[in-house]
Amino acid sequence: MKVYFTASARGKNAHAENYKRIYEALKDLGHENLDDLILRVDPEGFYSGNQDSKVNLFKKTVDLVKKADVIVLEISVPSLSMGYVMDRALEEEKPVILLYLEGVNPYFAGGIQNERLQVLSYTPETIKQVLARTIEISREQMDVRFNFFISPRIVAYLDWVSRHKKLPRAVYLRRLIEADMPKNKDYK
């Protein structure tokens, strides 16, 4: 799978070895890391970039989120950037894995309720096993695109559901199908 792994540049001084372990574990598990910026970045120089570098980083990050099958974020150091990446990935309906060092309490992230979000602790010794398990769960959450034609009346209704229930159209349709599946006893 294509994985976009990143973390807070501010946390690199304290957590560089863990960032490298996560990156290498993903590679060892047979996944393609889409970016290695967090391994190469100089934390001090990172935040002193000009406006063009900020815009380019933002665009590249959004592009990587769209290209990835799964997003892995190390969140031991609080970061608005990691929060944004997580939110953007969930909006794109991508599975997201938030990793934090055992003993660190990501209080806010732990309260987010989303079926595509996994928030897990790790130690340097357990990172590979944690990733193997969570990537497998993420694989099961990945969607298969299915296009079909519907009437303008149905589109209008789905748009209404989306606005009033604050629910994406695809999620609404998926839930209808999932509710119907147990009713069909012949389906195995």
N, C-alpha and C. Protein backbone atom coordinates (compact mmCIF):
# COMPACT_ATOMS: atom_id res chain seq x y z
N MET A 1 0.83 -1.18 0.00
CA MET A 1 0.00 0.00 0.00
C MET A 1 0.87 1.24 0.00
N LYS A 2 0.31 2.32 -0.52
CA LYS A 2 0.99 3.61 -0.49
C LYS A 2 0.66 4.31 0.82
N VAL A 3 1.70 4.64 1.58
CA VAL A 3 1.53 5.22 2.91
C VAL A 3 2.15 6.61 2.95
N TYR A 4 1.40 7.55 3.47
CA TYR A 4 1.97 8.87 3.74
C TYR A 4 2.20 8.94 5.24
N PHE A 5 3.46 8.89 5.62
CA PHE A 5 3.84 9.01 7.02
C PHE A 5 4.49 10.36 7.25
N THR A 6 4.06 11.05 8.30
CA THR A 6 4.71 12.29 8.69
C THR A 6 4.52 12.50 10.19
N ALA A 7 5.17 13.53 10.68
CA ALA A 7 5.14 13.85 12.11
C ALA A 7 5.51 15.31 12.26
N SER A 8 5.47 15.79 13.48
CA SER A 8 5.81 17.18 13.75
C SER A 8 7.32 17.39 13.60
N ALA A 9 7.69 18.38 12.78
CA ALA A 9 9.12 18.72 12.65
C ALA A 9 9.67 19.21 13.98
N ARG A 10 8.81 19.86 14.77
CA ARG A 10 9.22 20.34 16.09
C ARG A 10 9.64 19.19 17.00
N GLY A 11 9.06 18.03 16.79
CA GLY A 11 9.37 16.88 17.62
C GLY A 11 10.57 16.07 17.16
N LYS A 12 11.15 16.47 16.04
CA LYS A 12 12.23 15.66 15.48
C LYS A 12 13.44 15.58 16.40
N ASN A 13 13.80 16.66 17.08
CA ASN A 13 14.97 16.62 17.96
C ASN A 13 14.82 15.53 19.02
N ALA A 14 13.63 15.40 19.59
CA ALA A 14 13.42 14.42 20.65
C ALA A 14 13.04 13.04 20.12
N HIS A 15 12.44 12.97 18.91
CA HIS A 15 11.86 11.71 18.45
C HIS A 15 12.38 11.22 17.10
N ALA A 16 13.52 11.72 16.65
CA ALA A 16 14.04 11.35 15.33
C ALA A 16 14.19 9.84 15.17
N GLU A 17 14.67 9.18 16.19
CA GLU A 17 14.87 7.71 16.10
C GLU A 17 13.54 6.99 15.94
N ASN A 18 12.52 7.45 16.64
CA ASN A 18 11.20 6.81 16.49
C ASN A 18 10.62 7.08 15.11
N TYR A 19 10.80 8.29 14.60
CA TYR A 19 10.33 8.60 13.25
C TYR A 19 10.98 7.65 12.25
N LYS A 20 12.28 7.45 12.41
CA LYS A 20 13.01 6.55 11.50
C LYS A 20 12.52 5.11 11.66
N ARG A 21 12.28 4.69 12.89
CA ARG A 21 11.76 3.32 13.12
C ARG A 21 10.41 3.12 12.43
N ILE A 22 9.54 4.10 12.53
CA ILE A 22 8.23 3.98 11.90
C ILE A 22 8.39 3.90 10.38
N TYR A 23 9.20 4.79 9.83
CA TYR A 23 9.43 4.81 8.38
C TYR A 23 9.97 3.46 7.91
N GLU A 24 10.98 2.96 8.62
CA GLU A 24 11.61 1.68 8.25
C GLU A 24 10.65 0.51 8.45
N ALA A 25 9.85 0.54 9.51
CA ALA A 25 8.88 -0.54 9.74
C ALA A 25 7.87 -0.61 8.61
N LEU A 26 7.41 0.53 8.15
CA LEU A 26 6.47 0.55 7.02
C LEU A 26 7.11 -0.07 5.78
N LYS A 27 8.35 0.28 5.54
CA LYS A 27 9.08 -0.27 4.40
C LYS A 27 9.28 -1.77 4.56
N ASP A 28 9.68 -2.21 5.75
CA ASP A 28 9.90 -3.64 6.01
C ASP A 28 8.62 -4.45 5.85
N LEU A 29 7.49 -3.83 6.12
CA LEU A 29 6.19 -4.51 5.99
C LEU A 29 5.71 -4.53 4.53
N GLY A 30 6.51 -3.96 3.63
CA GLY A 30 6.20 -4.03 2.21
C GLY A 30 5.39 -2.87 1.66
N HIS A 31 5.31 -1.78 2.41
CA HIS A 31 4.53 -0.64 1.97
C HIS A 31 5.43 0.42 1.36
N GLU A 32 4.85 1.23 0.50
CA GLU A 32 5.59 2.31 -0.17
C GLU A 32 5.38 3.61 0.60
N ASN A 33 6.47 4.14 1.14
CA ASN A 33 6.43 5.45 1.78
C ASN A 33 6.41 6.51 0.67
N LEU A 34 5.43 7.38 0.68
CA LEU A 34 5.32 8.40 -0.37
C LEU A 34 6.22 9.61 -0.14
N ASP A 35 6.71 9.78 1.09
CA ASP A 35 7.50 10.98 1.39
C ASP A 35 8.45 10.68 2.55
N ASP A 36 9.64 11.29 2.49
CA ASP A 36 10.59 11.12 3.59
C ASP A 36 11.03 12.47 4.16
N LEU A 37 10.24 13.50 3.93
CA LEU A 37 10.59 14.84 4.39
C LEU A 37 10.89 14.86 5.89
N ILE A 38 10.09 14.16 6.68
CA ILE A 38 10.28 14.22 8.13
C ILE A 38 11.63 13.63 8.54
N LEU A 39 12.20 12.76 7.72
CA LEU A 39 13.52 12.20 8.03
C LEU A 39 14.63 13.16 7.63
N ARG A 40 14.39 13.96 6.61
CA ARG A 40 15.42 14.85 6.07
C ARG A 40 15.39 16.26 6.66
N VAL A 41 14.26 16.66 7.19
CA VAL A 41 14.05 18.06 7.57
C VAL A 41 14.94 18.49 8.73
N ASP A 42 15.40 19.73 8.65
CA ASP A 42 16.09 20.38 9.76
C ASP A 42 15.02 21.15 10.54
N PRO A 43 14.74 20.73 11.78
CA PRO A 43 13.63 21.35 12.53
C PRO A 43 13.76 22.87 12.68
N GLU A 44 14.97 23.36 12.86
CA GLU A 44 15.14 24.81 13.04
C GLU A 44 14.87 25.56 11.73
N GLY A 45 15.40 25.06 10.63
CA GLY A 45 15.23 25.72 9.34
C GLY A 45 13.83 25.57 8.78
N PHE A 46 13.14 24.51 9.17
CA PHE A 46 11.83 24.21 8.63
C PHE A 46 10.84 25.35 8.83
N TYR A 47 10.85 25.93 10.01
CA TYR A 47 9.86 26.96 10.34
C TYR A 47 10.29 28.36 9.91
N SER A 48 11.42 28.47 9.26
CA SER A 48 11.85 29.80 8.82
C SER A 48 11.71 29.98 7.30
N GLY A 49 10.97 29.08 6.66
CA GLY A 49 10.79 29.17 5.21
C GLY A 49 9.98 30.39 4.80
N ASN A 50 10.17 30.79 3.55
CA ASN A 50 9.42 31.94 3.02
C ASN A 50 8.00 31.51 2.62
N GLN A 51 7.21 32.45 2.17
CA GLN A 51 5.81 32.19 1.83
C GLN A 51 5.68 31.14 0.74
N ASP A 52 6.54 31.20 -0.28
CA ASP A 52 6.47 30.22 -1.36
C ASP A 52 6.72 28.80 -0.84
N SER A 53 7.68 28.64 0.06
CA SER A 53 7.96 27.30 0.59
C SER A 53 6.80 26.79 1.43
N LYS A 54 6.12 27.69 2.14
CA LYS A 54 4.95 27.30 2.93
C LYS A 54 3.82 26.83 2.01
N VAL A 55 3.57 27.58 0.95
CA VAL A 55 2.51 27.23 0.00
C VAL A 55 2.84 25.90 -0.67
N ASN A 56 4.10 25.73 -1.08
CA ASN A 56 4.50 24.48 -1.73
C ASN A 56 4.36 23.28 -0.80
N LEU A 57 4.74 23.45 0.45
CA LEU A 57 4.60 22.37 1.43
C LEU A 57 3.14 22.01 1.62
N PHE A 58 2.28 23.02 1.74
CA PHE A 58 0.85 22.76 1.90
C PHE A 58 0.31 21.98 0.71
N LYS A 59 0.61 22.44 -0.50
CA LYS A 59 0.10 21.78 -1.71
C LYS A 59 0.63 20.35 -1.81
N LYS A 60 1.90 20.17 -1.50
CA LYS A 60 2.49 18.83 -1.57
C LYS A 60 1.82 17.91 -0.54
N THR A 61 1.57 18.41 0.64
CA THR A 61 0.95 17.61 1.69
C THR A 61 -0.46 17.17 1.27
N VAL A 62 -1.24 18.09 0.76
CA VAL A 62 -2.60 17.76 0.31
C VAL A 62 -2.54 16.73 -0.81
N ASP A 63 -1.60 16.88 -1.72
CA ASP A 63 -1.43 15.93 -2.82
C ASP A 63 -1.06 14.55 -2.30
N LEU A 64 -0.16 14.50 -1.31
CA LEU A 64 0.24 13.21 -0.74
C LEU A 64 -0.92 12.53 -0.02
N VAL A 65 -1.74 13.30 0.66
CA VAL A 65 -2.92 12.73 1.32
C VAL A 65 -3.82 12.09 0.27
N LYS A 66 -4.02 12.76 -0.84
CA LYS A 66 -4.89 12.24 -1.90
C LYS A 66 -4.31 10.98 -2.53
N LYS A 67 -2.99 10.91 -2.70
CA LYS A 67 -2.34 9.77 -3.34
C LYS A 67 -2.25 8.55 -2.43
N ALA A 68 -2.21 8.76 -1.14
CA ALA A 68 -1.97 7.66 -0.20
C ALA A 68 -3.20 6.77 -0.03
N ASP A 69 -2.92 5.51 0.25
CA ASP A 69 -3.99 4.58 0.63
C ASP A 69 -4.30 4.73 2.11
N VAL A 70 -3.28 5.03 2.90
CA VAL A 70 -3.43 5.19 4.35
C VAL A 70 -2.47 6.27 4.82
N ILE A 71 -2.88 7.00 5.85
CA ILE A 71 -2.08 8.07 6.43
C ILE A 71 -1.62 7.61 7.82
N VAL A 72 -0.31 7.75 8.10
CA VAL A 72 0.24 7.41 9.41
C VAL A 72 0.87 8.68 9.97
N LEU A 73 0.41 9.09 11.14
CA LEU A 73 0.93 10.30 11.78
C LEU A 73 1.45 9.96 13.16
N GLU A 74 2.65 10.42 13.46
CA GLU A 74 3.20 10.28 14.81
C GLU A 74 2.83 11.55 15.55
N ILE A 75 2.07 11.43 16.66
CA ILE A 75 1.50 12.61 17.32
C ILE A 75 1.96 12.77 18.77
N SER A 76 3.13 12.24 19.09
CA SER A 76 3.61 12.38 20.47
C SER A 76 3.85 13.84 20.85
N VAL A 77 4.14 14.67 19.85
CA VAL A 77 4.30 16.10 20.07
C VAL A 77 3.06 16.80 19.50
N PRO A 78 2.31 17.54 20.32
CA PRO A 78 1.11 18.22 19.82
C PRO A 78 1.45 19.12 18.62
N SER A 79 0.60 19.06 17.60
CA SER A 79 0.87 19.80 16.37
C SER A 79 -0.43 20.11 15.64
N LEU A 80 -0.65 21.38 15.38
CA LEU A 80 -1.82 21.76 14.58
C LEU A 80 -1.71 21.20 13.17
N SER A 81 -0.49 21.13 12.65
CA SER A 81 -0.29 20.58 11.30
C SER A 81 -0.75 19.13 11.23
N MET A 82 -0.38 18.33 12.23
CA MET A 82 -0.80 16.92 12.22
C MET A 82 -2.32 16.83 12.35
N GLY A 83 -2.91 17.71 13.13
CA GLY A 83 -4.37 17.75 13.24
C GLY A 83 -5.02 18.06 11.91
N TYR A 84 -4.43 19.01 11.17
CA TYR A 84 -4.98 19.35 9.87
C TYR A 84 -4.84 18.18 8.90
N VAL A 85 -3.67 17.56 8.88
CA VAL A 85 -3.45 16.43 7.96
C VAL A 85 -4.46 15.31 8.27
N MET A 86 -4.66 15.03 9.56
CA MET A 86 -5.62 14.01 9.96
C MET A 86 -7.02 14.37 9.47
N ASP A 87 -7.44 15.60 9.73
CA ASP A 87 -8.77 16.03 9.33
C ASP A 87 -8.94 15.97 7.81
N ARG A 88 -7.94 16.42 7.09
CA ARG A 88 -8.00 16.41 5.62
C ARG A 88 -8.11 14.97 5.10
N ALA A 89 -7.32 14.07 5.70
CA ALA A 89 -7.36 12.67 5.27
C ALA A 89 -8.72 12.04 5.56
N LEU A 90 -9.29 12.34 6.71
CA LEU A 90 -10.61 11.80 7.04
C LEU A 90 -11.68 12.37 6.11
N GLU A 91 -11.54 13.64 5.74
CA GLU A 91 -12.47 14.22 4.75
C GLU A 91 -12.37 13.49 3.42
N GLU A 92 -11.17 13.06 3.08
CA GLU A 92 -10.94 12.31 1.84
C GLU A 92 -11.33 10.84 1.99
N GLU A 93 -11.84 10.50 3.18
CA GLU A 93 -12.27 9.14 3.52
C GLU A 93 -11.11 8.14 3.45
N LYS A 94 -9.95 8.59 3.90
CA LYS A 94 -8.77 7.74 3.98
C LYS A 94 -8.62 7.19 5.39
N PRO A 95 -8.17 5.96 5.52
CA PRO A 95 -7.86 5.45 6.86
C PRO A 95 -6.68 6.22 7.45
N VAL A 96 -6.76 6.55 8.73
CA VAL A 96 -5.71 7.32 9.40
C VAL A 96 -5.28 6.56 10.66
N ILE A 97 -3.97 6.44 10.82
CA ILE A 97 -3.40 5.82 12.00
C ILE A 97 -2.61 6.89 12.74
N LEU A 98 -3.01 7.17 13.98
CA LEU A 98 -2.30 8.11 14.84
C LEU A 98 -1.50 7.30 15.85
N LEU A 99 -0.19 7.50 15.86
CA LEU A 99 0.69 6.77 16.77
C LEU A 99 1.27 7.74 17.79
N TYR A 100 1.36 7.28 19.02
CA TYR A 100 1.99 8.10 20.06
C TYR A 100 2.77 7.18 20.99
N LEU A 101 3.83 7.72 21.55
CA LEU A 101 4.65 6.96 22.48
C LEU A 101 3.85 6.58 23.72
N GLU A 102 4.03 5.35 24.14
CA GLU A 102 3.37 4.90 25.37
C GLU A 102 3.70 5.87 26.50
N GLY A 103 2.69 6.28 27.23
CA GLY A 103 2.89 7.22 28.33
C GLY A 103 2.51 8.65 27.97
N VAL A 104 2.39 8.94 26.68
CA VAL A 104 1.95 10.25 26.22
C VAL A 104 0.45 10.14 26.02
N ASN A 105 -0.30 11.12 26.47
CA ASN A 105 -1.75 11.05 26.35
C ASN A 105 -2.25 12.06 25.32
N PRO A 106 -2.56 11.60 24.10
CA PRO A 106 -3.12 12.52 23.10
C PRO A 106 -4.60 12.73 23.37
N TYR A 107 -4.86 13.51 24.37
CA TYR A 107 -6.20 13.66 24.93
C TYR A 107 -7.26 13.99 23.87
N PHE A 108 -7.03 15.02 23.08
CA PHE A 108 -8.02 15.46 22.11
C PHE A 108 -8.23 14.40 21.03
N ALA A 109 -7.14 13.87 20.48
CA ALA A 109 -7.24 12.86 19.42
C ALA A 109 -7.97 11.62 19.92
N GLY A 110 -7.79 11.29 21.19
CA GLY A 110 -8.47 10.13 21.75
C GLY A 110 -9.97 10.27 21.81
N GLY A 111 -10.48 11.47 21.71
CA GLY A 111 -11.92 11.69 21.77
C GLY A 111 -12.61 11.72 20.42
N ILE A 112 -11.86 11.64 19.34
CA ILE A 112 -12.45 11.71 18.01
C ILE A 112 -13.11 10.37 17.66
N GLN A 113 -14.35 10.43 17.27
CA GLN A 113 -15.10 9.23 16.89
C GLN A 113 -15.21 9.16 15.37
N ASN A 114 -14.44 8.27 14.76
CA ASN A 114 -14.48 8.08 13.32
C ASN A 114 -14.02 6.66 13.03
N GLU A 115 -14.83 5.94 12.26
CA GLU A 115 -14.50 4.54 12.00
C GLU A 115 -13.20 4.36 11.22
N ARG A 116 -12.73 5.38 10.57
CA ARG A 116 -11.49 5.29 9.80
C ARG A 116 -10.26 5.71 10.60
N LEU A 117 -10.44 6.06 11.85
CA LEU A 117 -9.35 6.57 12.67
C LEU A 117 -8.96 5.55 13.73
N GLN A 118 -7.65 5.27 13.80
CA GLN A 118 -7.09 4.42 14.85
C GLN A 118 -6.06 5.25 15.62
N VAL A 119 -6.18 5.26 16.93
CA VAL A 119 -5.25 6.00 17.79
C VAL A 119 -4.60 4.97 18.70
N LEU A 120 -3.27 4.77 18.55
CA LEU A 120 -2.59 3.70 19.26
C LEU A 120 -1.27 4.13 19.84
N SER A 121 -0.95 3.56 20.99
CA SER A 121 0.36 3.80 21.59
C SER A 121 1.34 2.76 21.07
N TYR A 122 2.62 3.10 21.18
CA TYR A 122 3.68 2.18 20.78
C TYR A 122 4.91 2.42 21.64
N THR A 123 5.81 1.48 21.60
CA THR A 123 7.15 1.65 22.14
C THR A 123 8.10 1.39 20.98
N PRO A 124 9.36 1.79 21.10
CA PRO A 124 10.29 1.49 20.01
C PRO A 124 10.35 0.00 19.67
N GLU A 125 10.11 -0.84 20.66
CA GLU A 125 10.17 -2.28 20.44
C GLU A 125 8.91 -2.85 19.78
N THR A 126 7.77 -2.18 19.94
CA THR A 126 6.51 -2.73 19.43
C THR A 126 6.02 -2.07 18.14
N ILE A 127 6.74 -1.09 17.64
CA ILE A 127 6.22 -0.31 16.52
C ILE A 127 5.88 -1.16 15.30
N LYS A 128 6.70 -2.12 14.98
CA LYS A 128 6.44 -2.93 13.78
C LYS A 128 5.17 -3.77 13.94
N GLN A 129 4.96 -4.36 15.11
CA GLN A 129 3.76 -5.15 15.35
C GLN A 129 2.51 -4.27 15.36
N VAL A 130 2.62 -3.10 15.96
CA VAL A 130 1.48 -2.17 15.99
C VAL A 130 1.10 -1.76 14.57
N LEU A 131 2.10 -1.44 13.77
CA LEU A 131 1.82 -1.03 12.38
C LEU A 131 1.25 -2.18 11.56
N ALA A 132 1.78 -3.38 11.72
CA ALA A 132 1.27 -4.53 10.96
C ALA A 132 -0.22 -4.72 11.24
N ARG A 133 -0.60 -4.66 12.50
CA ARG A 133 -1.99 -4.86 12.90
C ARG A 133 -2.88 -3.72 12.39
N THR A 134 -2.43 -2.48 12.56
CA THR A 134 -3.28 -1.35 12.19
C THR A 134 -3.38 -1.17 10.67
N ILE A 135 -2.32 -1.49 9.96
CA ILE A 135 -2.38 -1.40 8.49
C ILE A 135 -3.38 -2.42 7.97
N GLU A 136 -3.42 -3.60 8.56
CA GLU A 136 -4.38 -4.61 8.13
C GLU A 136 -5.81 -4.14 8.37
N ILE A 137 -6.06 -3.51 9.51
CA ILE A 137 -7.39 -2.95 9.78
C ILE A 137 -7.70 -1.87 8.76
N SER A 138 -6.72 -1.02 8.46
CA SER A 138 -6.92 0.04 7.47
C SER A 138 -7.22 -0.52 6.09
N ARG A 139 -6.58 -1.62 5.74
CA ARG A 139 -6.82 -2.24 4.44
C ARG A 139 -8.30 -2.64 4.31
N GLU A 140 -8.86 -3.13 5.39
CA GLU A 140 -10.28 -3.53 5.38
C GLU A 140 -11.21 -2.32 5.26
N GLN A 141 -10.72 -1.14 5.64
CA GLN A 141 -11.55 0.06 5.61
C GLN A 141 -11.48 0.79 4.27
N MET A 142 -10.57 0.37 3.43
CA MET A 142 -10.40 1.07 2.15
C MET A 142 -11.61 0.83 1.26
N ASP A 143 -12.03 1.86 0.62
CA ASP A 143 -13.18 1.79 -0.26
C ASP A 143 -12.79 1.37 -1.67
N VAL A 144 -13.73 0.76 -2.32
CA VAL A 144 -13.62 0.48 -3.75
C VAL A 144 -14.58 1.44 -4.42
N ARG A 145 -14.07 2.18 -5.41
CA ARG A 145 -14.94 3.14 -6.09
C ARG A 145 -15.97 2.40 -6.94
N PHE A 146 -17.21 2.85 -6.83
CA PHE A 146 -18.31 2.26 -7.56
C PHE A 146 -19.18 3.40 -8.07
N ASN A 147 -19.20 3.57 -9.37
CA ASN A 147 -19.98 4.66 -9.97
C ASN A 147 -21.27 4.09 -10.56
N PHE A 148 -22.34 4.85 -10.42
CA PHE A 148 -23.59 4.46 -11.06
C PHE A 148 -24.40 5.73 -11.32
N PHE A 149 -25.38 5.59 -12.21
CA PHE A 149 -26.20 6.72 -12.60
C PHE A 149 -27.47 6.75 -11.76
N ILE A 150 -27.85 7.96 -11.35
CA ILE A 150 -29.09 8.15 -10.59
C ILE A 150 -29.83 9.35 -11.16
N SER A 151 -31.09 9.40 -10.85
CA SER A 151 -31.92 10.49 -11.37
C SER A 151 -31.64 11.79 -10.62
N PRO A 152 -31.97 12.93 -11.24
CA PRO A 152 -31.80 14.22 -10.56
C PRO A 152 -32.59 14.29 -9.25
N ARG A 153 -33.74 13.61 -9.20
CA ARG A 153 -34.54 13.60 -7.97
C ARG A 153 -33.78 12.92 -6.82
N ILE A 154 -33.10 11.81 -7.12
CA ILE A 154 -32.32 11.11 -6.09
C ILE A 154 -31.11 11.96 -5.69
N VAL A 155 -30.49 12.61 -6.65
CA VAL A 155 -29.36 13.50 -6.34
C VAL A 155 -29.82 14.61 -5.39
N ALA A 156 -30.96 15.19 -5.67
CA ALA A 156 -31.49 16.26 -4.82
C ALA A 156 -31.73 15.74 -3.40
N TYR A 157 -32.27 14.53 -3.31
CA TYR A 157 -32.51 13.96 -1.98
C TYR A 157 -31.18 13.70 -1.25
N LEU A 158 -30.21 13.13 -1.94
CA LEU A 158 -28.90 12.87 -1.31
C LEU A 158 -28.23 14.17 -0.87
N ASP A 159 -28.37 15.21 -1.68
CA ASP A 159 -27.83 16.52 -1.29
C ASP A 159 -28.52 17.04 -0.03
N TRP A 160 -29.84 16.85 0.04
CA TRP A 160 -30.59 17.27 1.22
C TRP A 160 -30.12 16.49 2.45
N VAL A 161 -29.97 15.17 2.33
CA VAL A 161 -29.49 14.34 3.44
C VAL A 161 -28.11 14.82 3.89
N SER A 162 -27.26 15.10 2.93
CA SER A 162 -25.90 15.54 3.23
C SER A 162 -25.90 16.84 4.03
N ARG A 163 -26.73 17.80 3.61
CA ARG A 163 -26.79 19.09 4.29
C ARG A 163 -27.42 18.98 5.68
N HIS A 164 -28.53 18.28 5.77
CA HIS A 164 -29.29 18.24 7.02
C HIS A 164 -28.74 17.25 8.05
N LYS A 165 -28.16 16.17 7.58
CA LYS A 165 -27.61 15.18 8.52
C LYS A 165 -26.10 15.31 8.67
N LYS A 166 -25.52 16.28 7.92
CA LYS A 166 -24.07 16.49 7.98
C LYS A 166 -23.33 15.18 7.73
N LEU A 167 -23.75 14.51 6.68
CA LEU A 167 -23.25 13.18 6.36
C LEU A 167 -22.95 13.12 4.87
N PRO A 168 -21.75 12.71 4.47
CA PRO A 168 -21.48 12.59 3.03
C PRO A 168 -22.45 11.61 2.37
N ARG A 169 -22.76 11.89 1.13
CA ARG A 169 -23.72 11.05 0.39
C ARG A 169 -23.28 9.60 0.36
N ALA A 170 -21.99 9.37 0.12
CA ALA A 170 -21.47 8.00 0.04
C ALA A 170 -21.63 7.26 1.37
N VAL A 171 -21.42 7.96 2.46
CA VAL A 171 -21.58 7.34 3.79
C VAL A 171 -23.04 6.95 4.00
N TYR A 172 -23.95 7.84 3.62
CA TYR A 172 -25.38 7.55 3.77
C TYR A 172 -25.76 6.30 2.97
N LEU A 173 -25.32 6.23 1.71
CA LEU A 173 -25.64 5.08 0.87
C LEU A 173 -25.01 3.80 1.43
N ARG A 174 -23.76 3.91 1.88
CA ARG A 174 -23.08 2.76 2.45
C ARG A 174 -23.84 2.23 3.68
N ARG A 175 -24.31 3.14 4.53
CA ARG A 175 -25.05 2.74 5.73
C ARG A 175 -26.38 2.05 5.37
N LEU A 176 -27.05 2.55 4.32
CA LEU A 176 -28.30 1.90 3.88
C LEU A 176 -28.02 0.46 3.44
N ILE A 177 -26.96 0.28 2.68
CA ILE A 177 -26.62 -1.06 2.19
C ILE A 177 -26.21 -1.96 3.36
N GLU A 178 -25.39 -1.43 4.27
CA GLU A 178 -24.95 -2.23 5.42
C GLU A 178 -26.14 -2.63 6.30
N ALA A 179 -27.14 -1.76 6.42
CA ALA A 179 -28.33 -2.10 7.21
C ALA A 179 -29.17 -3.16 6.50
N ASP A 180 -29.13 -3.19 5.20
CA ASP A 180 -29.92 -4.15 4.43
C ASP A 180 -29.25 -5.53 4.36
N MET A 181 -27.94 -5.57 4.43
CA MET A 181 -27.21 -6.84 4.25
C MET A 181 -27.64 -7.93 5.23
N PRO A 182 -27.79 -7.66 6.53
CA PRO A 182 -28.19 -8.73 7.45
C PRO A 182 -29.60 -9.28 7.18
N LYS A 183 -30.41 -8.50 6.52
CA LYS A 183 -31.79 -8.92 6.23
C LYS A 183 -31.85 -9.97 5.14
N ASN A 184 -30.81 -10.10 4.34
CA ASN A 184 -30.78 -11.05 3.23
C ASN A 184 -30.08 -12.33 3.69
N LYS A 185 -30.89 -13.28 4.11
CA LYS A 185 -30.38 -14.52 4.71
C LYS A 185 -29.58 -15.37 3.71
N ASP A 186 -29.83 -15.21 2.40
CA ASP A 186 -29.12 -16.01 1.39
C ASP A 186 -27.70 -15.49 1.15
N TYR A 187 -27.43 -14.24 1.57
CA TYR A 187 -26.10 -13.65 1.38
C TYR A 187 -25.15 -14.22 2.41
N LYS A 188 -23.99 -14.65 1.97
CA LYS A 188 -23.00 -15.21 2.90
C LYS A 188 -21.76 -14.38 2.87
